[in-house]
Structure formats: structure tokens, C-alpha cells
Amino acid sequence: METTFLDSNLFSYVMLPLLIFLARICDVSIGTLRIIFVSKGKKNIAPILGFFEVLIWIIAISKIMQNLDNYINYIAYAAGFATGNLVGMIIEEKLAMGIQLIRVFAHQNGPDLVKTLNTNGFGATSVEAHGAIEKIDLIYTIVQRNELEKVLDIINKFNPMAFYTIEDVKAVNEGIFPPRKNNRAFPFANVLRNWRKGK
């Protein structure tokens, strides 16, 4: 009796585990992105990602259930899950979506830093405060995440020893931001742009 490729050991112990591994990478990566889009309020993208995430997961788990005696599939499934988390984090980093608040604690020349940021197109606000030792200026600036590196470069050039904190902001109303292209039609444009920079 002839053995077809789908019934062969090569498929059962090499190809099938590999396909399960790749499927898990895909669905976990998509799941990571879906969570990010949900947190950013992207209602038009998150449901689509959720559909494909579950579809791929069902296909992968069904193959596991059909081959319960193949323990290599279990390893491939777990390895795909772990790798998918890493890939999802890398993609999220490349996407650079969202808005972030930078809070700078300036011990001197705070107003000058505000002017420098304003000159470069970034809105900034300065507030006088009292630190543990002396008076300081608290400088707040809200920036698009894909502009974060540029703003930090300005701050570090102004004061290489600057103390600052960064946190996510879900939404803003109004504000001063550098002009940018509308990427609403293609939310993954940042990935391609950052990939080109790395070449």
C-alpha cells in the first residue's frame, strides 16, 4: 500500500510541526497587535485582526487535536507561542503608534529648553516646582511616538544629564505637533519607514 506525502513521517514529524510553529507565530503576533489597537481605540482595525487571530488559532489547535500522539506538535505549538510574543513586540516597536508624554526635570535654563522644543515644532509647557534641593522647572511636552527619538535627541543635546520620564497618553485634544502625513489608510506605514532607515 502506497503512502501519500500527508501520511508520511516527513510530513507528520517535520512539516506539520513547522506549520503549527509558524501559525502560532502569526496568531500570537496578530493578538499582540490587536491588544495594542484596542488600547489605542482603533475600532476599525482591532476586530479584523481578532478574526484572523482566532481563525489561525483554530486551524493550529485542530491539527494538534488530530495528532494527539505527536508530541513534537506540542513543542512546536509552545515554541510558536513564545516566538510570536517576541515578534509581536518587535512589530509594535516598529509601528511606533500612539502619543507619549515627556516630563523633563530641568534644574536650570528650563525656559530655554521650552523655546528649543517650540522652535522644532513641538509644544512644551514649563511649570516652576520645588525639588529636594532647589527650585526646578517641570517641562511637559506631548509628542507622537514616532517623533520620540527626535525629541529625546533635542533634550539630550540641551542637557546630556537631563532627568526625564516618559509615559503613554491615550488621547489628546488640540496641541502643537509637527505636520505629518496621514497614515490612516495604511497604519503599518511606520514599519516600512523604520525598516528603510535600518537598511
N, C-alpha and C. Protein backbone atom coordinates (compact mmCIF):
# COMPACT_ATOMS: atom_id res chain seq x y z
N MET A 1 0.85 -1.20 0.00
CA MET A 1 0.00 0.00 0.00
C MET A 1 0.88 1.25 0.00
N GLU A 2 0.64 2.14 -0.96
CA GLU A 2 1.46 3.34 -1.08
C GLU A 2 1.12 4.35 0.01
N THR A 3 2.16 5.05 0.47
CA THR A 3 1.99 6.07 1.50
C THR A 3 2.05 7.45 0.85
N THR A 4 1.01 8.24 1.04
CA THR A 4 0.99 9.58 0.48
C THR A 4 1.87 10.49 1.32
N PHE A 5 2.16 11.65 0.76
CA PHE A 5 3.03 12.60 1.48
C PHE A 5 2.41 13.04 2.80
N LEU A 6 1.08 13.24 2.82
CA LEU A 6 0.40 13.69 4.03
C LEU A 6 0.44 12.63 5.14
N ASP A 7 0.62 11.38 4.75
CA ASP A 7 0.69 10.30 5.73
C ASP A 7 2.12 9.91 6.07
N SER A 8 3.08 10.55 5.44
CA SER A 8 4.47 10.17 5.64
C SER A 8 5.03 10.73 6.94
N ASN A 9 6.13 10.12 7.40
CA ASN A 9 6.79 10.60 8.62
C ASN A 9 7.37 11.99 8.43
N LEU A 10 7.81 12.30 7.20
CA LEU A 10 8.37 13.62 6.91
C LEU A 10 7.33 14.71 7.18
N PHE A 11 6.10 14.48 6.74
CA PHE A 11 5.05 15.46 6.97
C PHE A 11 4.65 15.51 8.45
N SER A 12 4.48 14.34 9.06
CA SER A 12 3.99 14.27 10.44
C SER A 12 4.97 14.84 11.46
N TYR A 13 6.27 14.62 11.24
CA TYR A 13 7.26 15.00 12.26
C TYR A 13 8.13 16.19 11.88
N VAL A 14 7.96 16.70 10.66
CA VAL A 14 8.74 17.87 10.24
C VAL A 14 7.83 18.98 9.72
N MET A 15 7.08 18.70 8.66
CA MET A 15 6.28 19.73 8.02
C MET A 15 5.13 20.20 8.91
N LEU A 16 4.39 19.27 9.50
CA LEU A 16 3.24 19.65 10.33
C LEU A 16 3.68 20.46 11.56
N PRO A 17 4.71 20.02 12.32
CA PRO A 17 5.16 20.86 13.43
C PRO A 17 5.63 22.24 12.99
N LEU A 18 6.28 22.29 11.82
CA LEU A 18 6.74 23.58 11.30
C LEU A 18 5.56 24.49 10.98
N LEU A 19 4.52 23.94 10.37
CA LEU A 19 3.33 24.73 10.04
C LEU A 19 2.63 25.21 11.31
N ILE A 20 2.55 24.35 12.31
CA ILE A 20 1.95 24.75 13.60
C ILE A 20 2.77 25.85 14.25
N PHE A 21 4.09 25.72 14.20
CA PHE A 21 5.00 26.73 14.75
C PHE A 21 4.77 28.08 14.07
N LEU A 22 4.71 28.09 12.74
CA LEU A 22 4.51 29.34 12.01
C LEU A 22 3.13 29.92 12.25
N ALA A 23 2.12 29.04 12.35
CA ALA A 23 0.77 29.52 12.61
C ALA A 23 0.67 30.21 13.96
N ARG A 24 1.33 29.62 14.97
CA ARG A 24 1.31 30.23 16.29
C ARG A 24 2.04 31.57 16.32
N ILE A 25 3.14 31.67 15.58
CA ILE A 25 3.83 32.96 15.48
C ILE A 25 2.88 34.01 14.92
N CYS A 26 2.15 33.63 13.87
CA CYS A 26 1.24 34.57 13.23
C CYS A 26 0.11 34.98 14.16
N ASP A 27 -0.56 34.01 14.78
CA ASP A 27 -1.74 34.37 15.58
C ASP A 27 -1.37 35.11 16.86
N VAL A 28 -0.25 34.76 17.49
CA VAL A 28 0.16 35.48 18.70
C VAL A 28 0.63 36.89 18.35
N SER A 29 1.34 37.05 17.23
CA SER A 29 1.76 38.38 16.79
C SER A 29 0.55 39.26 16.48
N ILE A 30 -0.42 38.68 15.78
CA ILE A 30 -1.65 39.42 15.48
C ILE A 30 -2.38 39.78 16.76
N GLY A 31 -2.39 38.84 17.72
CA GLY A 31 -3.04 39.11 19.00
C GLY A 31 -2.39 40.26 19.75
N THR A 32 -1.07 40.32 19.69
CA THR A 32 -0.34 41.42 20.33
C THR A 32 -0.74 42.75 19.70
N LEU A 33 -0.79 42.77 18.38
CA LEU A 33 -1.17 43.99 17.67
C LEU A 33 -2.62 44.36 17.97
N ARG A 34 -3.49 43.35 18.05
CA ARG A 34 -4.90 43.61 18.34
C ARG A 34 -5.05 44.31 19.70
N ILE A 35 -4.32 43.83 20.69
CA ILE A 35 -4.39 44.44 22.02
C ILE A 35 -3.91 45.89 21.96
N ILE A 36 -2.87 46.12 21.19
CA ILE A 36 -2.34 47.49 21.05
C ILE A 36 -3.38 48.39 20.39
N PHE A 37 -4.00 47.91 19.31
CA PHE A 37 -5.00 48.72 18.62
C PHE A 37 -6.23 48.96 19.49
N VAL A 38 -6.60 47.98 20.31
CA VAL A 38 -7.72 48.17 21.23
C VAL A 38 -7.39 49.26 22.24
N SER A 39 -6.16 49.22 22.78
CA SER A 39 -5.75 50.22 23.77
C SER A 39 -5.67 51.62 23.16
N LYS A 40 -5.42 51.68 21.84
CA LYS A 40 -5.33 52.98 21.17
C LYS A 40 -6.67 53.42 20.62
N GLY A 41 -7.71 52.60 20.81
CA GLY A 41 -9.05 52.98 20.35
C GLY A 41 -9.27 52.83 18.86
N LYS A 42 -8.48 51.97 18.20
CA LYS A 42 -8.62 51.76 16.75
C LYS A 42 -9.73 50.74 16.50
N LYS A 43 -10.97 51.19 16.51
CA LYS A 43 -12.12 50.30 16.42
C LYS A 43 -12.27 49.64 15.05
N ASN A 44 -11.73 50.24 14.02
CA ASN A 44 -11.90 49.67 12.68
C ASN A 44 -10.87 48.60 12.36
N ILE A 45 -9.78 48.50 13.12
CA ILE A 45 -8.71 47.55 12.81
C ILE A 45 -8.74 46.36 13.75
N ALA A 46 -8.99 46.60 15.04
CA ALA A 46 -8.93 45.54 16.04
C ALA A 46 -9.85 44.35 15.73
N PRO A 47 -11.11 44.55 15.31
CA PRO A 47 -11.96 43.39 15.01
C PRO A 47 -11.44 42.54 13.87
N ILE A 48 -10.85 43.17 12.85
CA ILE A 48 -10.31 42.42 11.71
C ILE A 48 -9.14 41.56 12.16
N LEU A 49 -8.26 42.13 12.97
CA LEU A 49 -7.14 41.37 13.49
C LEU A 49 -7.62 40.22 14.37
N GLY A 50 -8.66 40.48 15.17
CA GLY A 50 -9.22 39.44 16.03
C GLY A 50 -9.76 38.27 15.23
N PHE A 51 -10.38 38.56 14.09
CA PHE A 51 -10.93 37.50 13.22
C PHE A 51 -9.82 36.57 12.74
N PHE A 52 -8.75 37.16 12.21
CA PHE A 52 -7.66 36.34 11.67
C PHE A 52 -6.88 35.65 12.79
N GLU A 53 -6.77 36.31 13.95
CA GLU A 53 -6.08 35.70 15.09
C GLU A 53 -6.76 34.39 15.49
N VAL A 54 -8.09 34.44 15.66
CA VAL A 54 -8.83 33.25 16.08
C VAL A 54 -8.88 32.20 14.98
N LEU A 55 -9.00 32.64 13.73
CA LEU A 55 -9.05 31.69 12.61
C LEU A 55 -7.76 30.87 12.54
N ILE A 56 -6.63 31.54 12.64
CA ILE A 56 -5.35 30.84 12.60
C ILE A 56 -5.19 29.93 13.82
N TRP A 57 -5.63 30.40 14.98
CA TRP A 57 -5.53 29.59 16.20
C TRP A 57 -6.36 28.31 16.09
N ILE A 58 -7.58 28.43 15.54
CA ILE A 58 -8.44 27.25 15.39
C ILE A 58 -7.80 26.23 14.46
N ILE A 59 -7.19 26.71 13.38
CA ILE A 59 -6.53 25.79 12.44
C ILE A 59 -5.38 25.07 13.13
N ALA A 60 -4.58 25.83 13.88
CA ALA A 60 -3.43 25.23 14.56
C ALA A 60 -3.86 24.23 15.62
N ILE A 61 -4.83 24.59 16.45
CA ILE A 61 -5.24 23.69 17.53
C ILE A 61 -5.96 22.46 16.99
N SER A 62 -6.65 22.61 15.85
CA SER A 62 -7.32 21.45 15.26
C SER A 62 -6.31 20.42 14.79
N LYS A 63 -5.18 20.88 14.27
CA LYS A 63 -4.13 19.94 13.85
C LYS A 63 -3.50 19.24 15.05
N ILE A 64 -3.40 19.96 16.16
CA ILE A 64 -2.90 19.35 17.39
C ILE A 64 -3.85 18.23 17.83
N MET A 65 -5.15 18.53 17.82
CA MET A 65 -6.14 17.56 18.28
C MET A 65 -6.22 16.34 17.36
N GLN A 66 -5.92 16.54 16.08
CA GLN A 66 -5.95 15.42 15.15
C GLN A 66 -4.72 14.54 15.28
N ASN A 67 -3.69 15.04 15.93
CA ASN A 67 -2.44 14.29 16.07
C ASN A 67 -1.96 14.33 17.52
N LEU A 68 -2.82 13.84 18.42
CA LEU A 68 -2.51 13.90 19.84
C LEU A 68 -1.30 13.06 20.24
N ASP A 69 -0.97 12.07 19.43
CA ASP A 69 0.16 11.20 19.77
C ASP A 69 1.50 11.76 19.28
N ASN A 70 1.46 12.92 18.60
CA ASN A 70 2.69 13.53 18.07
C ASN A 70 3.13 14.65 19.01
N TYR A 71 4.05 14.32 19.90
CA TYR A 71 4.48 15.28 20.91
C TYR A 71 5.34 16.41 20.34
N ILE A 72 5.87 16.21 19.15
CA ILE A 72 6.64 17.29 18.51
C ILE A 72 5.73 18.48 18.22
N ASN A 73 4.46 18.20 17.93
CA ASN A 73 3.50 19.27 17.69
C ASN A 73 3.32 20.14 18.93
N TYR A 74 3.36 19.52 20.12
CA TYR A 74 3.21 20.29 21.35
C TYR A 74 4.37 21.26 21.52
N ILE A 75 5.57 20.77 21.23
CA ILE A 75 6.75 21.62 21.34
C ILE A 75 6.69 22.76 20.32
N ALA A 76 6.27 22.43 19.10
CA ALA A 76 6.15 23.45 18.06
C ALA A 76 5.11 24.50 18.45
N TYR A 77 4.01 24.06 19.06
CA TYR A 77 2.94 24.96 19.48
C TYR A 77 3.46 25.94 20.55
N ALA A 78 4.15 25.39 21.55
CA ALA A 78 4.68 26.23 22.62
C ALA A 78 5.77 27.17 22.12
N ALA A 79 6.66 26.64 21.25
CA ALA A 79 7.73 27.47 20.71
C ALA A 79 7.17 28.58 19.83
N GLY A 80 6.12 28.28 19.08
CA GLY A 80 5.48 29.30 18.25
C GLY A 80 4.85 30.40 19.09
N PHE A 81 4.26 30.00 20.23
CA PHE A 81 3.66 30.98 21.13
C PHE A 81 4.73 31.92 21.69
N ALA A 82 5.85 31.34 22.15
CA ALA A 82 6.93 32.16 22.70
C ALA A 82 7.52 33.09 21.65
N THR A 83 7.78 32.55 20.47
CA THR A 83 8.36 33.36 19.39
C THR A 83 7.39 34.42 18.93
N GLY A 84 6.09 34.10 18.91
CA GLY A 84 5.08 35.07 18.49
C GLY A 84 5.03 36.28 19.40
N ASN A 85 5.23 36.05 20.71
CA ASN A 85 5.29 37.19 21.64
C ASN A 85 6.44 38.12 21.30
N LEU A 86 7.60 37.53 21.01
CA LEU A 86 8.77 38.33 20.66
C LEU A 86 8.54 39.09 19.36
N VAL A 87 8.02 38.39 18.35
CA VAL A 87 7.77 39.03 17.05
C VAL A 87 6.74 40.15 17.20
N GLY A 88 5.69 39.90 17.98
CA GLY A 88 4.68 40.93 18.20
C GLY A 88 5.25 42.17 18.85
N MET A 89 6.15 41.99 19.82
CA MET A 89 6.77 43.13 20.48
C MET A 89 7.65 43.92 19.52
N ILE A 90 8.36 43.20 18.65
CA ILE A 90 9.22 43.88 17.67
C ILE A 90 8.38 44.68 16.69
N ILE A 91 7.28 44.08 16.21
CA ILE A 91 6.39 44.79 15.28
C ILE A 91 5.80 46.02 15.95
N GLU A 92 5.37 45.88 17.21
CA GLU A 92 4.80 47.01 17.93
C GLU A 92 5.81 48.14 18.07
N GLU A 93 7.07 47.77 18.31
CA GLU A 93 8.13 48.78 18.43
C GLU A 93 8.35 49.49 17.10
N LYS A 94 8.29 48.74 16.00
CA LYS A 94 8.48 49.34 14.68
C LYS A 94 7.29 50.21 14.28
N LEU A 95 6.09 49.82 14.71
CA LEU A 95 4.90 50.61 14.39
C LEU A 95 4.98 52.01 14.99
N ALA A 96 5.50 52.09 16.21
CA ALA A 96 5.66 53.37 16.92
C ALA A 96 4.36 54.16 16.90
N MET A 97 3.27 53.49 17.29
CA MET A 97 1.97 54.15 17.30
C MET A 97 1.71 54.82 18.64
N GLY A 98 0.86 55.81 18.61
CA GLY A 98 0.38 56.41 19.86
C GLY A 98 1.02 57.74 20.20
N ILE A 99 0.66 58.23 21.36
CA ILE A 99 1.08 59.54 21.84
C ILE A 99 1.76 59.35 23.20
N GLN A 100 2.82 60.09 23.43
CA GLN A 100 3.54 59.95 24.69
C GLN A 100 3.82 61.31 25.33
N LEU A 101 3.81 61.29 26.65
CA LEU A 101 4.11 62.49 27.43
C LEU A 101 5.54 62.39 27.95
N ILE A 102 6.32 63.42 27.69
CA ILE A 102 7.68 63.50 28.23
C ILE A 102 7.69 64.58 29.31
N ARG A 103 8.17 64.21 30.46
CA ARG A 103 8.25 65.15 31.59
C ARG A 103 9.73 65.34 31.93
N VAL A 104 10.22 66.56 31.75
CA VAL A 104 11.64 66.86 31.98
C VAL A 104 11.78 67.67 33.26
N PHE A 105 12.72 67.26 34.11
CA PHE A 105 13.02 67.98 35.34
C PHE A 105 14.30 68.80 35.09
N ALA A 106 14.12 70.08 34.81
CA ALA A 106 15.25 70.94 34.46
C ALA A 106 15.68 71.76 35.67
N HIS A 107 16.92 71.59 36.06
CA HIS A 107 17.44 72.35 37.22
C HIS A 107 17.88 73.76 36.82
N GLN A 108 18.07 73.95 35.52
CA GLN A 108 18.42 75.29 35.06
C GLN A 108 18.06 75.43 33.57
N ASN A 109 17.84 76.67 33.16
CA ASN A 109 17.55 77.01 31.77
C ASN A 109 16.32 76.28 31.22
N GLY A 110 15.34 76.06 32.09
CA GLY A 110 14.11 75.41 31.65
C GLY A 110 13.41 76.15 30.52
N PRO A 111 13.23 77.49 30.63
CA PRO A 111 12.57 78.24 29.55
C PRO A 111 13.30 78.12 28.21
N ASP A 112 14.63 78.00 28.26
CA ASP A 112 15.39 77.85 27.01
C ASP A 112 15.07 76.52 26.33
N LEU A 113 14.88 75.47 27.12
CA LEU A 113 14.52 74.18 26.53
C LEU A 113 13.13 74.24 25.91
N VAL A 114 12.22 74.94 26.57
CA VAL A 114 10.87 75.12 26.01
C VAL A 114 10.95 75.81 24.66
N LYS A 115 11.76 76.87 24.57
CA LYS A 115 11.92 77.60 23.30
C LYS A 115 12.52 76.70 22.23
N THR A 116 13.51 75.90 22.61
CA THR A 116 14.15 75.00 21.65
C THR A 116 13.15 73.99 21.10
N LEU A 117 12.33 73.43 21.98
CA LEU A 117 11.31 72.48 21.55
C LEU A 117 10.28 73.16 20.64
N ASN A 118 9.87 74.37 21.02
CA ASN A 118 8.90 75.10 20.21
C ASN A 118 9.46 75.43 18.83
N THR A 119 10.74 75.78 18.80
CA THR A 119 11.38 76.09 17.52
C THR A 119 11.37 74.89 16.58
N ASN A 120 11.45 73.70 17.15
CA ASN A 120 11.46 72.47 16.35
C ASN A 120 10.05 71.92 16.10
N GLY A 121 9.03 72.70 16.46
CA GLY A 121 7.66 72.31 16.16
C GLY A 121 6.95 71.51 17.23
N PHE A 122 7.55 71.38 18.40
CA PHE A 122 6.94 70.61 19.48
C PHE A 122 6.42 71.55 20.56
N GLY A 123 5.17 71.36 20.93
CA GLY A 123 4.60 72.16 22.00
C GLY A 123 5.19 71.76 23.34
N ALA A 124 5.45 72.72 24.21
CA ALA A 124 6.03 72.43 25.52
C ALA A 124 5.51 73.44 26.53
N THR A 125 5.34 72.99 27.74
CA THR A 125 4.86 73.83 28.84
C THR A 125 5.81 73.72 30.01
N SER A 126 6.12 74.86 30.63
CA SER A 126 7.04 74.88 31.76
C SER A 126 6.30 75.30 33.03
N VAL A 127 6.58 74.59 34.12
CA VAL A 127 5.96 74.89 35.41
C VAL A 127 7.06 74.94 36.47
N GLU A 128 7.04 75.99 37.28
CA GLU A 128 8.03 76.08 38.36
C GLU A 128 7.65 75.13 39.48
N ALA A 129 8.66 74.45 40.01
CA ALA A 129 8.41 73.49 41.10
C ALA A 129 9.58 73.51 42.08
N HIS A 130 9.40 72.84 43.22
CA HIS A 130 10.45 72.75 44.22
C HIS A 130 10.93 71.31 44.30
N GLY A 131 12.22 71.09 44.06
CA GLY A 131 12.80 69.76 44.17
C GLY A 131 13.29 69.52 45.59
N ALA A 132 14.02 68.43 45.77
CA ALA A 132 14.52 68.09 47.10
C ALA A 132 15.57 69.08 47.57
N ILE A 133 16.29 69.68 46.62
CA ILE A 133 17.39 70.58 46.98
C ILE A 133 17.14 72.01 46.54
N GLU A 134 16.62 72.18 45.34
CA GLU A 134 16.48 73.52 44.77
C GLU A 134 15.24 73.62 43.92
N LYS A 135 14.98 74.83 43.45
CA LYS A 135 13.87 75.04 42.54
C LYS A 135 14.20 74.46 41.16
N ILE A 136 13.19 73.92 40.52
CA ILE A 136 13.38 73.34 39.19
C ILE A 136 12.23 73.78 38.29
N ASP A 137 12.41 73.54 37.02
CA ASP A 137 11.34 73.75 36.05
C ASP A 137 10.87 72.38 35.55
N LEU A 138 9.58 72.13 35.66
CA LEU A 138 8.99 70.93 35.10
C LEU A 138 8.51 71.26 33.70
N ILE A 139 9.04 70.55 32.72
CA ILE A 139 8.68 70.82 31.33
C ILE A 139 7.91 69.63 30.78
N TYR A 140 6.73 69.90 30.28
CA TYR A 140 5.87 68.87 29.71
C TYR A 140 5.78 69.05 28.20
N THR A 141 5.93 67.98 27.48
CA THR A 141 5.70 68.00 26.04
C THR A 141 5.05 66.69 25.63
N ILE A 142 4.03 66.79 24.81
CA ILE A 142 3.31 65.61 24.32
C ILE A 142 3.64 65.44 22.85
N VAL A 143 4.12 64.24 22.49
CA VAL A 143 4.59 64.01 21.12
C VAL A 143 4.04 62.71 20.57
N GLN A 144 4.00 62.63 19.25
CA GLN A 144 3.69 61.36 18.61
C GLN A 144 4.85 60.41 18.88
N ARG A 145 4.53 59.13 19.08
CA ARG A 145 5.57 58.19 19.46
C ARG A 145 6.67 58.08 18.41
N ASN A 146 6.31 58.21 17.13
CA ASN A 146 7.34 58.11 16.10
C ASN A 146 8.25 59.33 16.04
N GLU A 147 7.92 60.36 16.85
CA GLU A 147 8.78 61.54 16.96
C GLU A 147 9.58 61.54 18.26
N LEU A 148 9.39 60.48 19.07
CA LEU A 148 10.01 60.44 20.39
C LEU A 148 11.53 60.55 20.33
N GLU A 149 12.13 59.79 19.43
CA GLU A 149 13.59 59.78 19.33
C GLU A 149 14.14 61.16 19.01
N LYS A 150 13.44 61.89 18.14
CA LYS A 150 13.88 63.24 17.77
C LYS A 150 13.82 64.19 18.97
N VAL A 151 12.74 64.09 19.75
CA VAL A 151 12.58 64.97 20.91
C VAL A 151 13.63 64.66 21.97
N LEU A 152 13.88 63.35 22.21
CA LEU A 152 14.89 62.97 23.19
C LEU A 152 16.27 63.43 22.76
N ASP A 153 16.52 63.44 21.46
CA ASP A 153 17.80 63.93 20.95
C ASP A 153 17.96 65.42 21.26
N ILE A 154 16.87 66.18 21.10
CA ILE A 154 16.90 67.62 21.42
C ILE A 154 17.16 67.83 22.90
N ILE A 155 16.48 67.05 23.75
CA ILE A 155 16.65 67.17 25.20
C ILE A 155 18.07 66.81 25.62
N ASN A 156 18.59 65.74 25.07
CA ASN A 156 19.94 65.29 25.45
C ASN A 156 21.03 66.23 24.94
N LYS A 157 20.79 66.88 23.80
CA LYS A 157 21.75 67.87 23.32
C LYS A 157 21.71 69.11 24.21
N PHE A 158 20.52 69.43 24.69
CA PHE A 158 20.38 70.58 25.58
C PHE A 158 21.06 70.30 26.91
N ASN A 159 20.86 69.08 27.43
CA ASN A 159 21.48 68.68 28.69
C ASN A 159 21.68 67.16 28.68
N PRO A 160 22.91 66.69 28.44
CA PRO A 160 23.17 65.24 28.37
C PRO A 160 22.82 64.51 29.67
N MET A 161 22.75 65.24 30.80
CA MET A 161 22.45 64.62 32.08
C MET A 161 20.99 64.88 32.49
N ALA A 162 20.15 65.22 31.53
CA ALA A 162 18.76 65.57 31.83
C ALA A 162 18.02 64.39 32.44
N PHE A 163 17.17 64.71 33.42
CA PHE A 163 16.33 63.69 34.05
C PHE A 163 14.93 63.86 33.49
N TYR A 164 14.40 62.79 32.88
CA TYR A 164 13.05 62.88 32.30
C TYR A 164 12.34 61.55 32.44
N THR A 165 11.01 61.60 32.36
CA THR A 165 10.19 60.40 32.38
C THR A 165 9.30 60.40 31.14
N ILE A 166 8.88 59.21 30.73
CA ILE A 166 8.04 59.06 29.54
C ILE A 166 6.88 58.15 29.90
N GLU A 167 5.68 58.53 29.48
CA GLU A 167 4.52 57.67 29.71
C GLU A 167 3.54 57.80 28.56
N ASP A 168 2.72 56.76 28.39
CA ASP A 168 1.74 56.74 27.30
C ASP A 168 0.56 57.64 27.63
N VAL A 169 0.00 58.22 26.59
CA VAL A 169 -1.20 59.04 26.69
C VAL A 169 -2.23 58.45 25.72
N LYS A 170 -3.42 58.17 26.21
CA LYS A 170 -4.42 57.53 25.36
C LYS A 170 -4.95 58.48 24.29
N ALA A 171 -5.20 59.73 24.67
CA ALA A 171 -5.75 60.69 23.71
C ALA A 171 -5.40 62.10 24.13
N VAL A 172 -5.40 63.01 23.15
CA VAL A 172 -5.17 64.42 23.43
C VAL A 172 -6.21 65.25 22.68
N ASN A 173 -6.45 66.46 23.15
CA ASN A 173 -7.34 67.38 22.47
C ASN A 173 -6.55 68.64 22.14
N GLU A 174 -6.48 68.93 20.85
CA GLU A 174 -5.68 70.06 20.37
C GLU A 174 -4.19 69.80 20.60
N GLY A 175 -3.41 70.84 20.79
CA GLY A 175 -1.97 70.69 21.00
C GLY A 175 -1.17 71.08 19.77
N ILE A 176 0.15 71.21 19.98
CA ILE A 176 1.06 71.59 18.89
C ILE A 176 1.90 70.38 18.51
N PHE A 177 1.79 69.95 17.27
CA PHE A 177 2.55 68.81 16.78
C PHE A 177 3.14 69.16 15.42
N PRO A 178 4.31 68.59 15.10
CA PRO A 178 4.86 68.80 13.76
C PRO A 178 3.91 68.24 12.72
N PRO A 179 3.82 68.89 11.55
CA PRO A 179 2.95 68.35 10.50
C PRO A 179 3.41 66.97 10.06
N ARG A 180 2.47 66.08 9.81
CA ARG A 180 2.83 64.73 9.39
C ARG A 180 1.83 64.24 8.36
N LYS A 181 2.23 63.25 7.61
CA LYS A 181 1.36 62.66 6.61
C LYS A 181 0.28 61.83 7.28
N ASN A 182 -0.87 61.76 6.64
CA ASN A 182 -1.97 60.98 7.18
C ASN A 182 -1.78 59.52 6.84
N ASN A 183 -1.50 58.68 7.86
CA ASN A 183 -1.29 57.25 7.64
C ASN A 183 -2.52 56.42 7.99
N ARG A 184 -3.68 57.06 8.07
CA ARG A 184 -4.88 56.34 8.49
C ARG A 184 -5.22 55.20 7.54
N ALA A 185 -4.94 55.40 6.24
CA ALA A 185 -5.28 54.36 5.27
C ALA A 185 -4.35 53.17 5.39
N PHE A 186 -3.16 53.38 5.88
CA PHE A 186 -2.20 52.28 5.99
C PHE A 186 -1.46 52.41 7.31
N PRO A 187 -2.03 51.85 8.38
CA PRO A 187 -1.46 52.04 9.72
C PRO A 187 -0.09 51.43 9.91
N PHE A 188 0.35 50.55 9.00
CA PHE A 188 1.65 49.90 9.16
C PHE A 188 2.75 50.63 8.37
N ALA A 189 2.46 51.86 7.95
CA ALA A 189 3.46 52.62 7.19
C ALA A 189 4.72 52.86 8.00
N ASN A 190 4.58 53.01 9.33
CA ASN A 190 5.75 53.23 10.19
C ASN A 190 6.71 52.06 10.14
N VAL A 191 6.19 50.84 9.99
CA VAL A 191 7.06 49.67 9.91
C VAL A 191 7.97 49.77 8.70
N LEU A 192 7.39 50.13 7.55
CA LEU A 192 8.19 50.23 6.32
C LEU A 192 9.19 51.38 6.43
N ARG A 193 8.75 52.51 7.02
CA ARG A 193 9.65 53.65 7.15
C ARG A 193 10.83 53.31 8.05
N ASN A 194 10.57 52.67 9.19
CA ASN A 194 11.66 52.31 10.10
C ASN A 194 12.55 51.23 9.50
N TRP A 195 11.97 50.34 8.70
CA TRP A 195 12.76 49.30 8.04
C TRP A 195 13.73 49.93 7.04
N ARG A 196 13.26 50.94 6.30
CA ARG A 196 14.14 51.62 5.33
C ARG A 196 15.27 52.34 6.05
N LYS A 197 14.96 52.94 7.22
CA LYS A 197 16.02 53.63 7.98
C LYS A 197 17.11 52.66 8.41
N GLY A 198 16.71 51.44 8.71
CA GLY A 198 17.67 50.45 9.19
C GLY A 198 18.50 49.83 8.12
N LYS A 199 18.15 50.05 6.85
CA LYS A 199 18.92 49.44 5.75
C LYS A 199 20.24 50.14 5.53
